[in-house]
PDB file of all heavy atoms in Angstrom:
ATOM      1  N   ALA A   1     107.858 115.115 110.736  1.00  0.00           N
ATOM      2  CA  ALA A   1     108.630 116.263 110.249  1.00  0.00           C
ATOM      3  C   ALA A   1     108.211 117.549 110.951  1.00  0.00           C
ATOM      4  O   ALA A   1     109.012 118.482 111.084  1.00  0.00           O
ATOM      5  CB  ALA A   1     108.461 116.393 108.755  1.00  0.00           C
ATOM      6  N   LYS A   2     106.954 117.586 111.372  1.00  0.00           N
ATOM      7  CA  LYS A   2     106.438 118.769 112.073  1.00  0.00           C
ATOM      8  C   LYS A   2     106.330 118.547 113.572  1.00  0.00           C
ATOM      9  O   LYS A   2     105.902 119.447 114.303  1.00  0.00           O
ATOM     10  CB  LYS A   2     105.062 119.145 111.523  1.00  0.00           C
ATOM     11  CG  LYS A   2     105.059 119.577 110.074  1.00  0.00           C
ATOM     12  CD  LYS A   2     103.663 120.003 109.635  1.00  0.00           C
ATOM     13  CE  LYS A   2     103.646 120.477 108.193  1.00  0.00           C
ATOM     14  NZ  LYS A   2     102.287 120.893 107.758  1.00  0.00           N
ATOM     15  N   ASN A   3     106.694 117.350 114.007  1.00  0.00           N
ATOM     16  CA  ASN A   3     106.611 117.022 115.438  1.00  0.00           C
ATOM     17  C   ASN A   3     105.186 117.201 115.965  1.00  0.00           C
ATOM     18  O   ASN A   3     104.961 117.824 117.013  1.00  0.00           O
ATOM     19  CB  ASN A   3     107.578 117.903 116.236  1.00  0.00           C
ATOM     20  CG  ASN A   3     108.103 117.227 117.482  1.00  0.00           C
ATOM     21  OD1 ASN A   3     108.288 116.007 117.525  1.00  0.00           O
ATOM     22  ND2 ASN A   3     108.358 118.013 118.522  1.00  0.00           N
ATOM     23  N   MET A   4     104.212 116.683 115.208  1.00  0.00           N
ATOM     24  CA  MET A   4     102.811 116.866 115.545  1.00  0.00           C
ATOM     25  C   MET A   4     102.085 115.527 115.615  1.00  0.00           C
ATOM     26  O   MET A   4     102.391 114.583 114.884  1.00  0.00           O
ATOM     27  CB  MET A   4     102.110 117.737 114.513  1.00  0.00           C
ATOM     28  CG  MET A   4     102.555 119.200 114.516  1.00  0.00           C
ATOM     29  SD  MET A   4     102.021 120.101 115.988  1.00  0.00           S
ATOM     30  CE  MET A   4     100.235 120.109 115.742  1.00  0.00           C
ATOM     31  N   LEU A   5     101.084 115.482 116.490  1.00  0.00           N
ATOM     32  CA  LEU A   5     100.198 114.333 116.643  1.00  0.00           C
ATOM     33  C   LEU A   5      98.765 114.823 116.467  1.00  0.00           C
ATOM     34  O   LEU A   5      98.440 115.935 116.892  1.00  0.00           O
ATOM     35  CB  LEU A   5     100.370 113.714 118.035  1.00  0.00           C
ATOM     36  CG  LEU A   5      99.423 112.585 118.416  1.00  0.00           C
ATOM     37  CD1 LEU A   5      99.790 111.310 117.650  1.00  0.00           C
ATOM     38  CD2 LEU A   5      99.480 112.327 119.920  1.00  0.00           C
ATOM     39  N   TYR A   6      97.926 113.992 115.843  1.00  0.00           N
ATOM     40  CA  TYR A   6      96.544 114.377 115.579  1.00  0.00           C
ATOM     41  C   TYR A   6      95.572 113.269 115.995  1.00  0.00           C
ATOM     42  O   TYR A   6      95.929 112.096 116.036  1.00  0.00           O
ATOM     43  CB  TYR A   6      96.334 114.671 114.098  1.00  0.00           C
ATOM     44  CG  TYR A   6      97.280 115.692 113.526  1.00  0.00           C
ATOM     45  CD1 TYR A   6      98.377 115.292 112.766  1.00  0.00           C
ATOM     46  CD2 TYR A   6      97.082 117.052 113.745  1.00  0.00           C
ATOM     47  CE1 TYR A   6      99.254 116.227 112.242  1.00  0.00           C
ATOM     48  CE2 TYR A   6      97.961 117.987 113.218  1.00  0.00           C
ATOM     49  CZ  TYR A   6      99.047 117.572 112.467  1.00  0.00           C
ATOM     50  OH  TYR A   6      99.904 118.500 111.959  1.00  0.00           O
ATOM     51  N   LEU A   7      94.341 113.692 116.242  1.00  0.00           N
ATOM     52  CA  LEU A   7      93.250 112.737 116.441  1.00  0.00           C
ATOM     53  C   LEU A   7      92.034 113.293 115.716  1.00  0.00           C
ATOM     54  O   LEU A   7      91.453 114.296 116.142  1.00  0.00           O
ATOM     55  CB  LEU A   7      92.937 112.529 117.925  1.00  0.00           C
ATOM     56  CG  LEU A   7      91.847 111.490 118.203  1.00  0.00           C
ATOM     57  CD1 LEU A   7      92.351 110.082 117.844  1.00  0.00           C
ATOM     58  CD2 LEU A   7      91.412 111.528 119.673  1.00  0.00           C
ATOM     59  N   ARG A   8      91.687 112.650 114.634  1.00  0.00           N
ATOM     60  CA  ARG A   8      90.496 113.015 113.880  1.00  0.00           C
ATOM     61  C   ARG A   8      89.337 112.238 114.464  1.00  0.00           C
ATOM     62  O   ARG A   8      89.375 111.002 114.558  1.00  0.00           O
ATOM     63  CB  ARG A   8      90.665 112.670 112.407  1.00  0.00           C
ATOM     64  CG  ARG A   8      89.403 112.823 111.579  1.00  0.00           C
ATOM     65  CD  ARG A   8      89.040 114.258 111.321  1.00  0.00           C
ATOM     66  NE  ARG A   8      87.795 114.376 110.545  1.00  0.00           N
ATOM     67  CZ  ARG A   8      87.347 115.526 110.049  1.00  0.00           C
ATOM     68  NH1 ARG A   8      88.031 116.663 110.237  1.00  0.00           N
ATOM     69  NH2 ARG A   8      86.213 115.559 109.369  1.00  0.00           N
ATOM     70  N   MET A   9      88.264 112.954 114.850  1.00  0.00           N
ATOM     71  CA  MET A   9      87.113 112.331 115.489  1.00  0.00           C
ATOM     72  C   MET A   9      85.871 112.606 114.654  1.00  0.00           C
ATOM     73  O   MET A   9      85.483 113.769 114.494  1.00  0.00           O
ATOM     74  CB  MET A   9      86.933 112.866 116.907  1.00  0.00           C
ATOM     75  CG  MET A   9      88.172 112.716 117.778  1.00  0.00           C
ATOM     76  SD  MET A   9      87.921 113.236 119.486  1.00  0.00           S
ATOM     77  CE  MET A   9      87.622 114.987 119.259  1.00  0.00           C
ATOM     78  N   ASP A  10      85.286 111.577 114.106  1.00  0.00           N
ATOM     79  CA  ASP A  10      84.078 111.679 113.290  1.00  0.00           C
ATOM     80  C   ASP A  10      82.920 110.963 113.987  1.00  0.00           C
ATOM     81  O   ASP A  10      83.125 110.160 114.892  1.00  0.00           O
ATOM     82  CB  ASP A  10      84.315 111.065 111.913  1.00  0.00           C
ATOM     83  CG  ASP A  10      85.351 111.818 111.105  1.00  0.00           C
ATOM     84  OD1 ASP A  10      85.294 113.054 111.070  1.00  0.00           O
ATOM     85  OD2 ASP A  10      86.223 111.152 110.504  1.00  0.00           O
ATOM     86  N   SER A  11      81.713 111.275 113.533  1.00  0.00           N
ATOM     87  CA  SER A  11      80.507 110.637 114.078  1.00  0.00           C
ATOM     88  C   SER A  11      80.511 110.697 115.601  1.00  0.00           C
ATOM     89  O   SER A  11      80.250 109.691 116.280  1.00  0.00           O
ATOM     90  CB  SER A  11      80.423 109.180 113.606  1.00  0.00           C
ATOM     91  OG  SER A  11      80.424 109.109 112.205  1.00  0.00           O
ATOM     92  N   LEU A  12      80.772 111.860 116.116  1.00  0.00           N
ATOM     93  CA  LEU A  12      80.896 112.008 117.561  1.00  0.00           C
ATOM     94  C   LEU A  12      79.565 111.737 118.265  1.00  0.00           C
ATOM     95  O   LEU A  12      78.486 112.044 117.739  1.00  0.00           O
ATOM     96  CB  LEU A  12      81.397 113.406 117.906  1.00  0.00           C
ATOM     97  CG  LEU A  12      82.907 113.600 117.703  1.00  0.00           C
ATOM     98  CD1 LEU A  12      83.277 115.062 117.606  1.00  0.00           C
ATOM     99  CD2 LEU A  12      83.673 112.922 118.820  1.00  0.00           C
ATOM    100  N   LYS A  13      79.684 111.166 119.460  1.00  0.00           N
ATOM    101  CA  LYS A  13      78.530 110.825 120.272  1.00  0.00           C
ATOM    102  C   LYS A  13      78.621 111.560 121.610  1.00  0.00           C
ATOM    103  O   LYS A  13      79.722 111.901 122.051  1.00  0.00           O
ATOM    104  CB  LYS A  13      78.513 109.319 120.533  1.00  0.00           C
ATOM    105  CG  LYS A  13      78.541 108.460 119.290  1.00  0.00           C
ATOM    106  CD  LYS A  13      78.649 106.987 119.655  1.00  0.00           C
ATOM    107  CE  LYS A  13      78.705 106.107 118.427  1.00  0.00           C
ATOM    108  NZ  LYS A  13      78.809 104.658 118.782  1.00  0.00           N
ATOM    109  N   PRO A  14      77.493 111.767 122.270  1.00  0.00           N
ATOM    110  CA  PRO A  14      77.550 112.422 123.592  1.00  0.00           C
ATOM    111  C   PRO A  14      78.485 111.711 124.563  1.00  0.00           C
ATOM    112  O   PRO A  14      79.129 112.367 125.393  1.00  0.00           O
ATOM    113  CB  PRO A  14      76.099 112.355 124.052  1.00  0.00           C
ATOM    114  CG  PRO A  14      75.310 112.394 122.790  1.00  0.00           C
ATOM    115  CD  PRO A  14      76.115 111.578 121.813  1.00  0.00           C
ATOM    116  N   GLU A  15      78.591 110.399 124.450  1.00  0.00           N
ATOM    117  CA  GLU A  15      79.468 109.657 125.362  1.00  0.00           C
ATOM    118  C   GLU A  15      80.954 109.879 125.065  1.00  0.00           C
ATOM    119  O   GLU A  15      81.809 109.399 125.805  1.00  0.00           O
ATOM    120  CB  GLU A  15      79.145 108.157 125.333  1.00  0.00           C
ATOM    121  CG  GLU A  15      79.075 107.552 123.953  1.00  0.00           C
ATOM    122  CD  GLU A  15      77.649 107.473 123.429  1.00  0.00           C
ATOM    123  OE1 GLU A  15      76.897 108.455 123.594  1.00  0.00           O
ATOM    124  OE2 GLU A  15      77.308 106.423 122.838  1.00  0.00           O
ATOM    125  N   ASP A  16      81.271 110.590 123.994  1.00  0.00           N
ATOM    126  CA  ASP A  16      82.657 110.957 123.723  1.00  0.00           C
ATOM    127  C   ASP A  16      83.073 112.211 124.496  1.00  0.00           C
ATOM    128  O   ASP A  16      84.240 112.607 124.459  1.00  0.00           O
ATOM    129  CB  ASP A  16      82.869 111.214 122.225  1.00  0.00           C
ATOM    130  CG  ASP A  16      82.695 109.962 121.391  1.00  0.00           C
ATOM    131  OD1 ASP A  16      83.176 108.888 121.808  1.00  0.00           O
ATOM    132  OD2 ASP A  16      82.087 110.057 120.305  1.00  0.00           O
ATOM    133  N   THR A  17      82.123 112.834 125.169  1.00  0.00           N
ATOM    134  CA  THR A  17      82.426 114.027 125.950  1.00  0.00           C
ATOM    135  C   THR A  17      83.432 113.704 127.043  1.00  0.00           C
ATOM    136  O   THR A  17      83.225 112.791 127.849  1.00  0.00           O
ATOM    137  CB  THR A  17      81.141 114.589 126.577  1.00  0.00           C
ATOM    138  OG1 THR A  17      80.266 115.039 125.541  1.00  0.00           O
ATOM    139  CG2 THR A  17      81.458 115.754 127.509  1.00  0.00           C
ATOM    140  N   ALA A  18      84.531 114.451 127.037  1.00  0.00           N
ATOM    141  CA  ALA A  18      85.618 114.197 127.991  1.00  0.00           C
ATOM    142  C   ALA A  18      86.718 115.229 127.776  1.00  0.00           C
ATOM    143  O   ALA A  18      86.700 115.975 126.793  1.00  0.00           O
ATOM    144  CB  ALA A  18      86.185 112.791 127.804  1.00  0.00           C
ATOM    145  N   VAL A  19      87.664 115.229 128.691  1.00  0.00           N
ATOM    146  CA  VAL A  19      88.920 115.938 128.463  1.00  0.00           C
ATOM    147  C   VAL A  19      89.863 114.955 127.782  1.00  0.00           C
ATOM    148  O   VAL A  19      90.055 113.838 128.275  1.00  0.00           O
ATOM    149  CB  VAL A  19      89.526 116.454 129.779  1.00  0.00           C
ATOM    150  CG1 VAL A  19      90.879 117.123 129.512  1.00  0.00           C
ATOM    151  CG2 VAL A  19      88.572 117.433 130.463  1.00  0.00           C
ATOM    152  N   TYR A  20      90.437 115.372 126.676  1.00  0.00           N
ATOM    153  CA  TYR A  20      91.315 114.514 125.894  1.00  0.00           C
ATOM    154  C   TYR A  20      92.768 114.924 126.121  1.00  0.00           C
ATOM    155  O   TYR A  20      93.108 116.107 126.052  1.00  0.00           O
ATOM    156  CB  TYR A  20      90.969 114.614 124.407  1.00  0.00           C
ATOM    157  CG  TYR A  20      89.724 113.834 124.055  1.00  0.00           C
ATOM    158  CD1 TYR A  20      88.468 114.278 124.469  1.00  0.00           C
ATOM    159  CD2 TYR A  20      89.795 112.639 123.342  1.00  0.00           C
ATOM    160  CE1 TYR A  20      87.327 113.550 124.169  1.00  0.00           C
ATOM    161  CE2 TYR A  20      88.666 111.908 123.039  1.00  0.00           C
ATOM    162  CZ  TYR A  20      87.434 112.370 123.455  1.00  0.00           C
ATOM    163  OH  TYR A  20      86.300 111.645 123.165  1.00  0.00           O
ATOM    164  N   TYR A  21      93.598 113.924 126.372  1.00  0.00           N
ATOM    165  CA  TYR A  21      95.009 114.140 126.659  1.00  0.00           C
ATOM    166  C   TYR A  21      95.882 113.423 125.637  1.00  0.00           C
ATOM    167  O   TYR A  21      95.605 112.278 125.276  1.00  0.00           O
ATOM    168  CB  TYR A  21      95.367 113.585 128.035  1.00  0.00           C
ATOM    169  CG  TYR A  21      94.600 114.179 129.189  1.00  0.00           C
ATOM    170  CD1 TYR A  21      93.395 113.630 129.597  1.00  0.00           C
ATOM    171  CD2 TYR A  21      95.106 115.280 129.878  1.00  0.00           C
ATOM    172  CE1 TYR A  21      92.695 114.167 130.657  1.00  0.00           C
ATOM    173  CE2 TYR A  21      94.406 115.824 130.947  1.00  0.00           C
ATOM    174  CZ  TYR A  21      93.206 115.266 131.334  1.00  0.00           C
ATOM    175  OH  TYR A  21      92.522 115.800 132.398  1.00  0.00           O
ATOM    176  N   CYS A  22      96.937 114.083 125.208  1.00  0.00           N
ATOM    177  CA  CYS A  22      97.941 113.372 124.432  1.00  0.00           C
ATOM    178  C   CYS A  22      99.089 112.979 125.353  1.00  0.00           C
ATOM    179  O   CYS A  22      99.309 113.615 126.397  1.00  0.00           O
ATOM    180  CB  CYS A  22      98.453 114.190 123.258  1.00  0.00           C
ATOM    181  SG  CYS A  22      99.453 115.633 123.665  1.00  0.00           S
ATOM    182  N   ALA A  23      99.768 111.919 124.989  1.00  0.00           N
ATOM    183  CA  ALA A  23     100.842 111.381 125.808  1.00  0.00           C
ATOM    184  C   ALA A  23     101.970 110.890 124.921  1.00  0.00           C
ATOM    185  O   ALA A  23     101.736 110.472 123.781  1.00  0.00           O
ATOM    186  CB  ALA A  23     100.318 110.247 126.678  1.00  0.00           C
ATOM    187  N   ALA A  24     103.169 110.935 125.451  1.00  0.00           N
ATOM    188  CA  ALA A  24     104.345 110.503 124.689  1.00  0.00           C
ATOM    189  C   ALA A  24     105.237 109.617 125.541  1.00  0.00           C
ATOM    190  O   ALA A  24     105.448 109.879 126.732  1.00  0.00           O
ATOM    191  CB  ALA A  24     105.134 111.722 124.210  1.00  0.00           C
ATOM    192  N   LYS A  25     105.725 108.579 124.910  1.00  0.00           N
ATOM    193  CA  LYS A  25     106.693 107.697 125.549  1.00  0.00           C
ATOM    194  C   LYS A  25     108.068 108.077 125.030  1.00  0.00           C
ATOM    195  O   LYS A  25     108.235 108.273 123.828  1.00  0.00           O
ATOM    196  CB  LYS A  25     106.375 106.245 125.197  1.00  0.00           C
ATOM    197  CG  LYS A  25     107.311 105.222 125.814  1.00  0.00           C
ATOM    198  CD  LYS A  25     106.837 103.818 125.513  1.00  0.00           C
ATOM    199  CE  LYS A  25     107.816 102.782 126.042  1.00  0.00           C
ATOM    200  NZ  LYS A  25     108.031 102.893 127.485  1.00  0.00           N
ATOM    201  N   ILE A  26     109.029 108.201 125.928  1.00  0.00           N
ATOM    202  CA  ILE A  26     110.333 108.719 125.538  1.00  0.00           C
ATOM    203  C   ILE A  26     110.960 107.886 124.429  1.00  0.00           C
ATOM    204  O   ILE A  26     111.427 108.413 123.416  1.00  0.00           O
ATOM    205  CB  ILE A  26     111.275 108.768 126.746  1.00  0.00           C
ATOM    206  CG1 ILE A  26     110.774 109.792 127.771  1.00  0.00           C
ATOM    207  CG2 ILE A  26     112.695 109.112 126.311  1.00  0.00           C
ATOM    208  CD1 ILE A  26     111.592 109.814 129.042  1.00  0.00           C
ATOM    209  N   TRP A  27     110.948 106.583 124.586  1.00  0.00           N
ATOM    210  CA  TRP A  27     111.668 105.754 123.620  1.00  0.00           C
ATOM    211  C   TRP A  27     111.072 104.360 123.603  1.00  0.00           C
ATOM    212  O   TRP A  27     110.594 103.837 124.619  1.00  0.00           O
ATOM    213  CB  TRP A  27     113.148 105.689 124.021  1.00  0.00           C
ATOM    214  CG  TRP A  27     113.975 104.860 123.096  1.00  0.00           C
ATOM    215  CD1 TRP A  27     114.488 105.228 121.888  1.00  0.00           C
ATOM    216  CD2 TRP A  27     114.407 103.515 123.305  1.00  0.00           C
ATOM    217  NE1 TRP A  27     115.205 104.189 121.341  1.00  0.00           N
ATOM    218  CE2 TRP A  27     115.181 103.131 122.190  1.00  0.00           C
ATOM    219  CE3 TRP A  27     114.212 102.587 124.331  1.00  0.00           C
ATOM    220  CZ2 TRP A  27     115.762 101.866 122.070  1.00  0.00           C
ATOM    221  CZ3 TRP A  27     114.793 101.335 124.209  1.00  0.00           C
ATOM    222  CH2 TRP A  27     115.555 100.989 123.088  1.00  0.00           C
ATOM    223  N   SER A  28     111.117 103.733 122.442  1.00  0.00           N
ATOM    224  CA  SER A  28     110.712 102.344 122.317  1.00  0.00           C
ATOM    225  C   SER A  28     111.674 101.649 121.380  1.00  0.00           C
ATOM    226  O   SER A  28     112.003 102.175 120.321  1.00  0.00           O
ATOM    227  CB  SER A  28     109.281 102.244 121.783  1.00  0.00           C
ATOM    228  OG  SER A  28     108.933 100.898 121.553  1.00  0.00           O
ATOM    229  N   GLN A  29     112.107 100.482 121.767  1.00  0.00           N
ATOM    230  CA  GLN A  29     113.024  99.732 120.920  1.00  0.00           C
ATOM    231  C   GLN A  29     112.343  99.297 119.628  1.00  0.00           C
ATOM    232  O   GLN A  29     112.985  99.211 118.572  1.00  0.00           O
ATOM    233  CB  GLN A  29     113.541  98.504 121.672  1.00  0.00           C
ATOM    234  CG  GLN A  29     114.545  97.684 120.877  1.00  0.00           C
ATOM    235  CD  GLN A  29     115.111  96.530 121.674  1.00  0.00           C
ATOM    236  OE1 GLN A  29     114.739  96.312 122.826  1.00  0.00           O
ATOM    237  NE2 GLN A  29     116.016  95.768 121.082  1.00  0.00           N
ATOM    238  N   TYR A  30     111.061  99.025 119.710  1.00  0.00           N
ATOM    239  CA  TYR A  30     110.326  98.532 118.554  1.00  0.00           C
ATOM    240  C   TYR A  30     109.279  99.538 118.093  1.00  0.00           C
ATOM    241  O   TYR A  30     108.844 100.395 118.853  1.00  0.00           O
ATOM    242  CB  TYR A  30     109.648  97.202 118.912  1.00  0.00           C
ATOM    243  CG  TYR A  30     110.603  96.159 119.400  1.00  0.00           C
ATOM    244  CD1 TYR A  30     110.675  95.827 120.747  1.00  0.00           C
ATOM    245  CD2 TYR A  30     111.463  95.509 118.520  1.00  0.00           C
ATOM    246  CE1 TYR A  30     111.564  94.886 121.203  1.00  0.00           C
ATOM    247  CE2 TYR A  30     112.358  94.564 118.967  1.00  0.00           C
ATOM    248  CZ  TYR A  30     112.408  94.261 120.316  1.00  0.00           C
ATOM    249  OH  TYR A  30     113.304  93.326 120.766  1.00  0.00           O
ATOM    250  N   ASP A  31     108.877  99.400 116.865  1.00  0.00           N
ATOM    251  CA  ASP A  31     107.874 100.282 116.274  1.00  0.00           C
ATOM    252  C   ASP A  31     106.488  99.751 116.632  1.00  0.00           C
ATOM    253  O   ASP A  31     105.785  99.184 115.816  1.00  0.00           O
ATOM    254  CB  ASP A  31     108.056 100.334 114.745  1.00  0.00           C
ATOM    255  CG  ASP A  31     107.234 101.440 114.120  1.00  0.00           C
ATOM    256  OD1 ASP A  31     107.063 102.499 114.760  1.00  0.00           O
ATOM    257  OD2 ASP A  31     106.742 101.248 112.997  1.00  0.00           O
ATOM    258  N   MET A  32     106.129  99.966 117.885  1.00  0.00           N
ATOM    259  CA  MET A  32     104.891  99.397 118.386  1.00  0.00           C
ATOM    260  C   MET A  32     104.054 100.443 119.100  1.00  0.00           C
ATOM    261  O   MET A  32     104.508 101.568 119.330  1.00  0.00           O
ATOM    262  CB  MET A  32     105.190  98.237 119.343  1.00  0.00           C
ATOM    263  CG  MET A  32     106.035  98.620 120.554  1.00  0.00           C
ATOM    264  SD  MET A  32     106.435  97.188 121.591  1.00  0.00           S
ATOM    265  CE  MET A  32     104.841  96.845 122.332  1.00  0.00           C
ATOM    266  N   THR A  33     102.819 100.047 119.409  1.00  0.00           N
ATOM    267  CA  THR A  33     101.895 100.933 120.100  1.00  0.00           C
ATOM    268  C   THR A  33     101.746 100.519 121.561  1.00  0.00           C
ATOM    269  O   THR A  33     102.015  99.376 121.925  1.00  0.00           O
ATOM    270  CB  THR A  33     100.519 100.886 119.424  1.00  0.00           C
ATOM    271  OG1 THR A  33     100.049  99.533 119.411  1.00  0.00           O
ATOM    272  CG2 THR A  33     100.601 101.398 117.987  1.00  0.00           C
ATOM    273  N   TYR A  34     101.283 101.453 122.374  1.00  0.00           N
ATOM    274  CA  TYR A  34     101.084 101.212 123.800  1.00  0.00           C
ATOM    275  C   TYR A  34      99.693 101.710 124.192  1.00  0.00           C
ATOM    276  O   TYR A  34      99.395 102.892 123.995  1.00  0.00           O
ATOM    277  CB  TYR A  34     102.156 101.939 124.620  1.00  0.00           C
ATOM    278  CG  TYR A  34     103.550 101.438 124.326  1.00  0.00           C
ATOM    279  CD1 TYR A  34     104.259 101.899 123.220  1.00  0.00           C
ATOM    280  CD2 TYR A  34     104.150 100.493 125.150  1.00  0.00           C
ATOM    281  CE1 TYR A  34     105.528 101.430 122.939  1.00  0.00           C
ATOM    282  CE2 TYR A  34     105.428 100.017 124.879  1.00  0.00           C
ATOM    283  CZ  TYR A  34     106.106 100.486 123.774  1.00  0.00           C
ATOM    284  OH  TYR A  34     107.363 100.021 123.496  1.00  0.00           O
ATOM    285  N   ASP A  35      98.877 100.832 124.728  1.00  0.00           N
ATOM    286  CA  ASP A  35      97.500 101.207 125.037  1.00  0.00           C
ATOM    287  C   ASP A  35      97.245 101.324 126.532  1.00  0.00           C
ATOM    288  O   ASP A  35      96.092 101.245 126.971  1.00  0.00           O
ATOM    289  CB  ASP A  35      96.511 100.221 124.404  1.00  0.00           C
ATOM    290  CG  ASP A  35      96.685  98.800 124.922  1.00  0.00           C
ATOM    291  OD1 ASP A  35      97.560  98.577 125.782  1.00  0.00           O
ATOM    292  OD2 ASP A  35      95.931  97.916 124.459  1.00  0.00           O
TER     293      ASP A  35
END
């Protein structure tokens, strides 16, 4: 409804240090995930 995506990150570790990117796929026929 707000056109928003989130990533909650808990128990962070030094190895989580990085640049984080969000990405969007234009369309999917099925309600599935893409890794």
